[in-house]
Amino acid sequence: MKHPHINSERIRLWTIQPISIYEELLAKGEIAVFDSGFAKSDPKFLYGYEWLIDQMHQRIGESDYPKQYPFWAWFQWQDYNKNRPDMRNYPLPKGEKHVRLMIEMPRENVLLSDFDDWHNVFDYQIPVINDADFLKNIPDEDLPYLGYGDVSFFDLPDKYQQLIKSTWTNIFNLNRRKSWHTKRIQATFWTLKLSDVRKVG
């Protein structure tokens, strides 16, 4: 089965969910996320989640229900040739069985982002930290405030917080530095629908 192009009208994704979520999906036909234990486990994570949620509202439209969290999936788990996550070595919490769902949905309903660069959002850093074109416009005295020092993000003056945040949208530029074929690409979307599921395994 050929992996679809990143700009196809419909794209194929894989999401790994607890069996309880899959059973709920079978019963209801579609489900949404209203509570994210992972995001709420650390306020640091919640800030990044809220930023991404705002980006989803802007880029793929409003959520189907109020106060939704996104579903997470993979467009490419490793790269173009290894796009499907391997359940044999996938990091899963113990205590509950999980299933891997292959889904296909309209590209316009999915926000794709660079998985590795996404961690810069969690850490309040700059995804283009080694980008000479960006750094050449930053005075040396400002560098300690932009991820080169030990200053907490929330202790920074507002202008530096905004400058750092302005670089986070680079996670959506999937051809920055190298081709999307070689990247780990995650997908977020609002609602998981049974009608989009193509395979369970």
Foldseek 3Di string as FASTA:
>chain_A
DAADDLPDQKHKWKAKDFVVVVVVCVVPQKDFAQDDPVCVVDVLSVQLQVVVQVVLCVQQRDFPDPRTGWGKIWSAQFFNVRGADDPVPDDDDPDTDMKMWMFMDGSSQKQKFFPVLSVCSSVLAASCPVPCVVCVPPDPVCVCLHPPHDDDLVNDPPVSSVVSVVRSVCRRVCPPPHHVRRTTMMMIGGMDGPVGTDDMD
